[in-house]
Amino acid sequence: VDYDEAKGKSTGFLFEEYTGEALLSVVKRALALFEKKKTWQALMKRGMKKDFSWKKSAKRYIEIYESTLERKQK
């Protein structure tokens, strides 16, 4: 989830365009936040609490596959 200080649910930094300028912009945002140690640590902790396991991903892939099969059979 892209960093937004007001929401307090962020887990990192995102950018849409795959350009050097977009990357540089997001790195600058991250470096600015890095200066705010407590906020940076809170962001890191939220990110580390996220479940990025294959178990969760595999379950989601199965759900998508099954819903696609259901739509094809109709």
PDB file of N, CA and C in Angstrom:
ATOM      1  N   VAL A   1       0.858  -1.169   0.000  1.00  0.00           N
ATOM      2  CA  VAL A   1       0.000   0.000   0.000  1.00  0.00           C
ATOM      3  C   VAL A   1       0.898   1.223   0.000  1.00  0.00           C
ATOM      4  N   ASP A   2       0.683   2.087  -0.945  1.00  0.00           N
ATOM      5  CA  ASP A   2       1.524   3.272  -1.082  1.00  0.00           C
ATOM      6  C   ASP A   2       1.454   4.148   0.160  1.00  0.00           C
ATOM      7  N   TYR A   3       2.582   4.737   0.485  1.00  0.00           N
ATOM      8  CA  TYR A   3       2.683   5.548   1.693  1.00  0.00           C
ATOM      9  C   TYR A   3       1.729   6.735   1.641  1.00  0.00           C
ATOM     10  N   ASP A   4       0.947   6.871   2.696  1.00  0.00           N
ATOM     11  CA  ASP A   4       0.053   8.011   2.902  1.00  0.00           C
ATOM     12  C   ASP A   4      -0.006   8.231   4.404  1.00  0.00           C
ATOM     13  N   GLU A   5       0.644   9.285   4.855  1.00  0.00           N
ATOM     14  CA  GLU A   5       0.770   9.534   6.291  1.00  0.00           C
ATOM     15  C   GLU A   5      -0.585   9.662   6.978  1.00  0.00           C
ATOM     16  N   ALA A   6      -1.559  10.218   6.297  1.00  0.00           N
ATOM     17  CA  ALA A   6      -2.862  10.451   6.909  1.00  0.00           C
ATOM     18  C   ALA A   6      -3.606   9.151   7.210  1.00  0.00           C
ATOM     19  N   LYS A   7      -3.451   8.136   6.373  1.00  0.00           N
ATOM     20  CA  LYS A   7      -4.213   6.896   6.533  1.00  0.00           C
ATOM     21  C   LYS A   7      -3.591   5.923   7.518  1.00  0.00           C
ATOM     22  N   GLY A   8      -2.275   5.909   7.636  1.00  0.00           N
ATOM     23  CA  GLY A   8      -1.618   5.017   8.586  1.00  0.00           C
ATOM     24  C   GLY A   8      -1.738   3.542   8.266  1.00  0.00           C
ATOM     25  N   LYS A   9      -1.997   3.191   7.000  1.00  0.00           N
ATOM     26  CA  LYS A   9      -2.110   1.788   6.608  1.00  0.00           C
ATOM     27  C   LYS A   9      -1.062   1.421   5.559  1.00  0.00           C
ATOM     28  N   SER A  10      -0.157   2.319   5.289  1.00  0.00           N
ATOM     29  CA  SER A  10       0.843   2.132   4.240  1.00  0.00           C
ATOM     30  C   SER A  10       1.826   1.025   4.591  1.00  0.00           C
ATOM     31  N   THR A  11       2.316   0.371   3.551  1.00  0.00           N
ATOM     32  CA  THR A  11       3.322  -0.674   3.749  1.00  0.00           C
ATOM     33  C   THR A  11       4.544  -0.452   2.870  1.00  0.00           C
ATOM     34  N   GLY A  12       4.546   0.606   2.076  1.00  0.00           N
ATOM     35  CA  GLY A  12       5.682   0.864   1.195  1.00  0.00           C
ATOM     36  C   GLY A  12       5.421   2.033   0.272  1.00  0.00           C
ATOM     37  N   PHE A  13       6.058   2.004  -0.884  1.00  0.00           N
ATOM     38  CA  PHE A  13       5.957   3.079  -1.861  1.00  0.00           C
ATOM     39  C   PHE A  13       5.695   2.474  -3.227  1.00  0.00           C
ATOM     40  N   LEU A  14       4.779   3.050  -3.956  1.00  0.00           N
ATOM     41  CA  LEU A  14       4.417   2.559  -5.280  1.00  0.00           C
ATOM     42  C   LEU A  14       4.612   3.649  -6.325  1.00  0.00           C
ATOM     43  N   PHE A  15       4.807   3.204  -7.568  1.00  0.00           N
ATOM     44  CA  PHE A  15       4.771   4.132  -8.688  1.00  0.00           C
ATOM     45  C   PHE A  15       4.188   3.401  -9.879  1.00  0.00           C
ATOM     46  N   GLU A  16       3.464   4.143 -10.716  1.00  0.00           N
ATOM     47  CA  GLU A  16       2.729   3.550 -11.824  1.00  0.00           C
ATOM     48  C   GLU A  16       3.574   3.472 -13.097  1.00  0.00           C
ATOM     49  N   GLU A  17       4.221   4.568 -13.437  1.00  0.00           N
ATOM     50  CA  GLU A  17       4.989   4.613 -14.675  1.00  0.00           C
ATOM     51  C   GLU A  17       6.342   3.944 -14.463  1.00  0.00           C
ATOM     52  N   TYR A  18       6.735   3.110 -15.383  1.00  0.00           N
ATOM     53  CA  TYR A  18       8.025   2.443 -15.288  1.00  0.00           C
ATOM     54  C   TYR A  18       9.071   3.274 -16.023  1.00  0.00           C
ATOM     55  N   THR A  19       9.369   4.431 -15.400  1.00  0.00           N
ATOM     56  CA  THR A  19      10.354   5.347 -15.966  1.00  0.00           C
ATOM     57  C   THR A  19      11.377   5.686 -14.894  1.00  0.00           C
ATOM     58  N   GLY A  20      12.513   6.160 -15.328  1.00  0.00           N
ATOM     59  CA  GLY A  20      13.537   6.584 -14.393  1.00  0.00           C
ATOM     60  C   GLY A  20      13.060   7.727 -13.515  1.00  0.00           C
ATOM     61  N   GLU A  21      12.284   8.628 -14.098  1.00  0.00           N
ATOM     62  CA  GLU A  21      11.768   9.771 -13.352  1.00  0.00           C
ATOM     63  C   GLU A  21      10.813   9.334 -12.243  1.00  0.00           C
ATOM     64  N   ALA A  22       9.949   8.383 -12.559  1.00  0.00           N
ATOM     65  CA  ALA A  22       8.995   7.893 -11.556  1.00  0.00           C
ATOM     66  C   ALA A  22       9.730   7.175 -10.424  1.00  0.00           C
ATOM     67  N   LEU A  23      10.735   6.386 -10.784  1.00  0.00           N
ATOM     68  CA  LEU A  23      11.528   5.694  -9.772  1.00  0.00           C
ATOM     69  C   LEU A  23      12.260   6.697  -8.887  1.00  0.00           C
ATOM     70  N   LEU A  24      12.877   7.685  -9.497  1.00  0.00           N
ATOM     71  CA  LEU A  24      13.593   8.701  -8.730  1.00  0.00           C
ATOM     72  C   LEU A  24      12.651   9.442  -7.788  1.00  0.00           C
ATOM     73  N   SER A  25      11.467   9.747  -8.248  1.00  0.00           N
ATOM     74  CA  SER A  25      10.484  10.443  -7.420  1.00  0.00           C
ATOM     75  C   SER A  25      10.113   9.623  -6.184  1.00  0.00           C
ATOM     76  N   VAL A  26       9.875   8.336  -6.361  1.00  0.00           N
ATOM     77  CA  VAL A  26       9.479   7.486  -5.234  1.00  0.00           C
ATOM     78  C   VAL A  26      10.658   7.260  -4.281  1.00  0.00           C
ATOM     79  N   VAL A  27      11.862   7.194  -4.818  1.00  0.00           N
ATOM     80  CA  VAL A  27      13.039   7.060  -3.952  1.00  0.00           C
ATOM     81  C   VAL A  27      13.201   8.322  -3.106  1.00  0.00           C
ATOM     82  N   LYS A  28      12.971   9.477  -3.695  1.00  0.00           N
ATOM     83  CA  LYS A  28      13.046  10.736  -2.935  1.00  0.00           C
ATOM     84  C   LYS A  28      12.002  10.761  -1.821  1.00  0.00           C
ATOM     85  N   ARG A  29      10.795  10.279  -2.115  1.00  0.00           N
ATOM     86  CA  ARG A  29       9.753  10.211  -1.082  1.00  0.00           C
ATOM     87  C   ARG A  29      10.186   9.299   0.051  1.00  0.00           C
ATOM     88  N   ALA A  30      10.748   8.156  -0.302  1.00  0.00           N
ATOM     89  CA  ALA A  30      11.196   7.196   0.712  1.00  0.00           C
ATOM     90  C   ALA A  30      12.326   7.781   1.556  1.00  0.00           C
ATOM     91  N   LEU A  31      13.272   8.444   0.926  1.00  0.00           N
ATOM     92  CA  LEU A  31      14.382   9.042   1.664  1.00  0.00           C
ATOM     93  C   LEU A  31      13.901  10.138   2.615  1.00  0.00           C
ATOM     94  N   ALA A  32      12.918  10.904   2.177  1.00  0.00           N
ATOM     95  CA  ALA A  32      12.360  11.946   3.045  1.00  0.00           C
ATOM     96  C   ALA A  32      11.691  11.320   4.263  1.00  0.00           C
ATOM     97  N   LEU A  33      10.985  10.221   4.060  1.00  0.00           N
ATOM     98  CA  LEU A  33      10.332   9.552   5.182  1.00  0.00           C
ATOM     99  C   LEU A  33      11.357   8.885   6.095  1.00  0.00           C
ATOM    100  N   PHE A  34      12.440   8.388   5.516  1.00  0.00           N
ATOM    101  CA  PHE A  34      13.480   7.736   6.293  1.00  0.00           C
ATOM    102  C   PHE A  34      14.027   8.661   7.383  1.00  0.00           C
ATOM    103  N   GLU A  35      13.972   9.944   7.145  1.00  0.00           N
ATOM    104  CA  GLU A  35      14.434  10.926   8.131  1.00  0.00           C
ATOM    105  C   GLU A  35      13.527  10.965   9.363  1.00  0.00           C
ATOM    106  N   LYS A  36      12.288  10.564   9.201  1.00  0.00           N
ATOM    107  CA  LYS A  36      11.317  10.529  10.307  1.00  0.00           C
ATOM    108  C   LYS A  36      11.343   9.116  10.883  1.00  0.00           C
ATOM    109  N   LYS A  37      12.265   8.871  11.783  1.00  0.00           N
ATOM    110  CA  LYS A  37      12.567   7.508  12.247  1.00  0.00           C
ATOM    111  C   LYS A  37      11.351   6.740  12.775  1.00  0.00           C
ATOM    112  N   LYS A  38      10.521   7.368  13.608  1.00  0.00           N
ATOM    113  CA  LYS A  38       9.368   6.655  14.171  1.00  0.00           C
ATOM    114  C   LYS A  38       8.368   6.275  13.081  1.00  0.00           C
ATOM    115  N   THR A  39       8.127   7.199  12.171  1.00  0.00           N
ATOM    116  CA  THR A  39       7.189   6.927  11.079  1.00  0.00           C
ATOM    117  C   THR A  39       7.739   5.837  10.174  1.00  0.00           C
ATOM    118  N   TRP A  40       9.054   5.897   9.892  1.00  0.00           N
ATOM    119  CA  TRP A  40       9.700   4.886   9.057  1.00  0.00           C
ATOM    120  C   TRP A  40       9.594   3.500   9.693  1.00  0.00           C
ATOM    121  N   GLN A  41       9.848   3.425  10.994  1.00  0.00           N
ATOM    122  CA  GLN A  41       9.768   2.146  11.684  1.00  0.00           C
ATOM    123  C   GLN A  41       8.345   1.593  11.678  1.00  0.00           C
ATOM    124  N   ALA A  42       7.360   2.464  11.835  1.00  0.00           N
ATOM    125  CA  ALA A  42       5.964   2.023  11.793  1.00  0.00           C
ATOM    126  C   ALA A  42       5.629   1.456  10.413  1.00  0.00           C
ATOM    127  N   LEU A  43       6.113   2.125   9.370  1.00  0.00           N
ATOM    128  CA  LEU A  43       5.899   1.647   8.007  1.00  0.00           C
ATOM    129  C   LEU A  43       6.533   0.274   7.809  1.00  0.00           C
ATOM    130  N   MET A  44       7.752   0.112   8.278  1.00  0.00           N
ATOM    131  CA  MET A  44       8.440  -1.182   8.155  1.00  0.00           C
ATOM    132  C   MET A  44       7.684  -2.278   8.904  1.00  0.00           C
ATOM    133  N   LYS A  45       7.217  -1.986  10.085  1.00  0.00           N
ATOM    134  CA  LYS A  45       6.503  -2.999  10.874  1.00  0.00           C
ATOM    135  C   LYS A  45       5.213  -3.423  10.200  1.00  0.00           C
ATOM    136  N   ARG A  46       4.481  -2.453   9.638  1.00  0.00           N
ATOM    137  CA  ARG A  46       3.240  -2.807   8.919  1.00  0.00           C
ATOM    138  C   ARG A  46       3.567  -3.696   7.715  1.00  0.00           C
ATOM    139  N   GLY A  47       4.627  -3.361   7.005  1.00  0.00           N
ATOM    140  CA  GLY A  47       5.015  -4.158   5.842  1.00  0.00           C
ATOM    141  C   GLY A  47       5.416  -5.568   6.226  1.00  0.00           C
ATOM    142  N   MET A  48       6.132  -5.705   7.326  1.00  0.00           N
ATOM    143  CA  MET A  48       6.589  -7.027   7.755  1.00  0.00           C
ATOM    144  C   MET A  48       5.459  -7.889   8.308  1.00  0.00           C
ATOM    145  N   LYS A  49       4.355  -7.280   8.690  1.00  0.00           N
ATOM    146  CA  LYS A  49       3.210  -8.045   9.188  1.00  0.00           C
ATOM    147  C   LYS A  49       2.371  -8.630   8.059  1.00  0.00           C
ATOM    148  N   LYS A  50       2.553  -8.137   6.833  1.00  0.00           N
ATOM    149  CA  LYS A  50       1.765  -8.611   5.704  1.00  0.00           C
ATOM    150  C   LYS A  50       2.126 -10.055   5.370  1.00  0.00           C
ATOM    151  N   ASP A  51       1.140 -10.800   4.918  1.00  0.00           N
ATOM    152  CA  ASP A  51       1.349 -12.203   4.543  1.00  0.00           C
ATOM    153  C   ASP A  51       1.637 -12.282   3.044  1.00  0.00           C
ATOM    154  N   PHE A  52       2.890 -12.524   2.701  1.00  0.00           N
ATOM    155  CA  PHE A  52       3.293 -12.674   1.307  1.00  0.00           C
ATOM    156  C   PHE A  52       3.632 -14.126   0.995  1.00  0.00           C
ATOM    157  N   SER A  53       3.095 -15.035   1.779  1.00  0.00           N
ATOM    158  CA  SER A  53       3.433 -16.452   1.608  1.00  0.00           C
ATOM    159  C   SER A  53       2.794 -17.020   0.339  1.00  0.00           C
ATOM    160  N   TRP A  54       3.383 -18.114  -0.143  1.00  0.00           N
ATOM    161  CA  TRP A  54       2.836 -18.797  -1.305  1.00  0.00           C
ATOM    162  C   TRP A  54       1.498 -19.435  -0.975  1.00  0.00           C
ATOM    163  N   LYS A  55       1.298 -19.799   0.281  1.00  0.00           N
ATOM    164  CA  LYS A  55       0.032 -20.408   0.670  1.00  0.00           C
ATOM    165  C   LYS A  55      -1.125 -19.456   0.366  1.00  0.00           C
ATOM    166  N   LYS A  56      -0.966 -18.221   0.726  1.00  0.00           N
ATOM    167  CA  LYS A  56      -2.013 -17.225   0.474  1.00  0.00           C
ATOM    168  C   LYS A  56      -2.162 -16.969  -1.025  1.00  0.00           C
ATOM    169  N   SER A  57      -1.035 -16.817  -1.729  1.00  0.00           N
ATOM    170  CA  SER A  57      -1.072 -16.565  -3.168  1.00  0.00           C
ATOM    171  C   SER A  57      -1.708 -17.733  -3.910  1.00  0.00           C
ATOM    172  N   ALA A  58      -1.316 -18.937  -3.557  1.00  0.00           N
ATOM    173  CA  ALA A  58      -1.854 -20.124  -4.218  1.00  0.00           C
ATOM    174  C   ALA A  58      -3.367 -20.224  -4.014  1.00  0.00           C
ATOM    175  N   LYS A  59      -3.824 -19.918  -2.829  1.00  0.00           N
ATOM    176  CA  LYS A  59      -5.266 -19.952  -2.551  1.00  0.00           C
ATOM    177  C   LYS A  59      -6.002 -18.971  -3.458  1.00  0.00           C
ATOM    178  N   ARG A  60      -5.430 -17.788  -3.629  1.00  0.00           N
ATOM    179  CA  ARG A  60      -6.066 -16.773  -4.483  1.00  0.00           C
ATOM    180  C   ARG A  60      -6.070 -17.220  -5.944  1.00  0.00           C
ATOM    181  N   TYR A  61      -4.988 -17.827  -6.423  1.00  0.00           N
ATOM    182  CA  TYR A  61      -4.932 -18.331  -7.792  1.00  0.00           C
ATOM    183  C   TYR A  61      -5.996 -19.402  -8.010  1.00  0.00           C
ATOM    184  N   ILE A  62      -6.180 -20.279  -7.046  1.00  0.00           N
ATOM    185  CA  ILE A  62      -7.196 -21.327  -7.158  1.00  0.00           C
ATOM    186  C   ILE A  62      -8.588 -20.706  -7.236  1.00  0.00           C
ATOM    187  N   GLU A  63      -8.841 -19.698  -6.409  1.00  0.00           N
ATOM    188  CA  GLU A  63     -10.140 -19.025  -6.439  1.00  0.00           C
ATOM    189  C   GLU A  63     -10.411 -18.410  -7.814  1.00  0.00           C
ATOM    190  N   ILE A  64      -9.408 -17.765  -8.382  1.00  0.00           N
ATOM    191  CA  ILE A  64      -9.563 -17.147  -9.707  1.00  0.00           C
ATOM    192  C   ILE A  64      -9.802 -18.223 -10.761  1.00  0.00           C
ATOM    193  N   TYR A  65      -9.028 -19.295 -10.716  1.00  0.00           N
ATOM    194  CA  TYR A  65      -9.174 -20.394 -11.670  1.00  0.00           C
ATOM    195  C   TYR A  65     -10.570 -20.998 -11.594  1.00  0.00           C
ATOM    196  N   GLU A  66     -11.037 -21.260 -10.385  1.00  0.00           N
ATOM    197  CA  GLU A  66     -12.360 -21.867 -10.220  1.00  0.00           C
ATOM    198  C   GLU A  66     -13.472 -20.935 -10.690  1.00  0.00           C
ATOM    199  N   SER A  67     -13.347 -19.647 -10.423  1.00  0.00           N
ATOM    200  CA  SER A  67     -14.393 -18.719 -10.883  1.00  0.00           C
ATOM    201  C   SER A  67     -14.392 -18.606 -12.401  1.00  0.00           C
ATOM    202  N   THR A  68     -13.232 -18.733 -13.012  1.00  0.00           N
ATOM    203  CA  THR A  68     -13.141 -18.717 -14.475  1.00  0.00           C
ATOM    204  C   THR A  68     -13.803 -19.954 -15.047  1.00  0.00           C
ATOM    205  N   LEU A  69     -13.574 -21.108 -14.455  1.00  0.00           N
ATOM    206  CA  LEU A  69     -14.204 -22.344 -14.910  1.00  0.00           C
ATOM    207  C   LEU A  69     -15.726 -22.242 -14.815  1.00  0.00           C
ATOM    208  N   GLU A  70     -16.198 -21.689 -13.697  1.00  0.00           N
ATOM    209  CA  GLU A  70     -17.640 -21.550 -13.497  1.00  0.00           C
ATOM    210  C   GLU A  70     -18.267 -20.676 -14.595  1.00  0.00           C
ATOM    211  N   ARG A  71     -17.598 -19.587 -14.935  1.00  0.00           N
ATOM    212  CA  ARG A  71     -18.112 -18.690 -15.968  1.00  0.00           C
ATOM    213  C   ARG A  71     -18.104 -19.359 -17.334  1.00  0.00           C
ATOM    214  N   LYS A  72     -17.101 -20.180 -17.625  1.00  0.00           N
ATOM    215  CA  LYS A  72     -17.016 -20.871 -18.906  1.00  0.00           C
ATOM    216  C   LYS A  72     -18.119 -21.908 -19.049  1.00  0.00           C
ATOM    217  N   GLN A  73     -18.521 -22.517 -17.948  1.00  0.00           N
ATOM    218  CA  GLN A  73     -19.520 -23.583 -17.991  1.00  0.00           C
ATOM    219  C   GLN A  73     -20.941 -23.026 -18.148  1.00  0.00           C
ATOM    220  N   LYS A  74     -21.104 -21.769 -17.940  1.00  0.00           N
ATOM    221  CA  LYS A  74     -22.465 -21.165 -18.044  1.00  0.00           C
ATOM    222  C   LYS A  74     -22.824 -20.808 -19.441  1.00  0.00           C
TER     223      LYS A  74
END
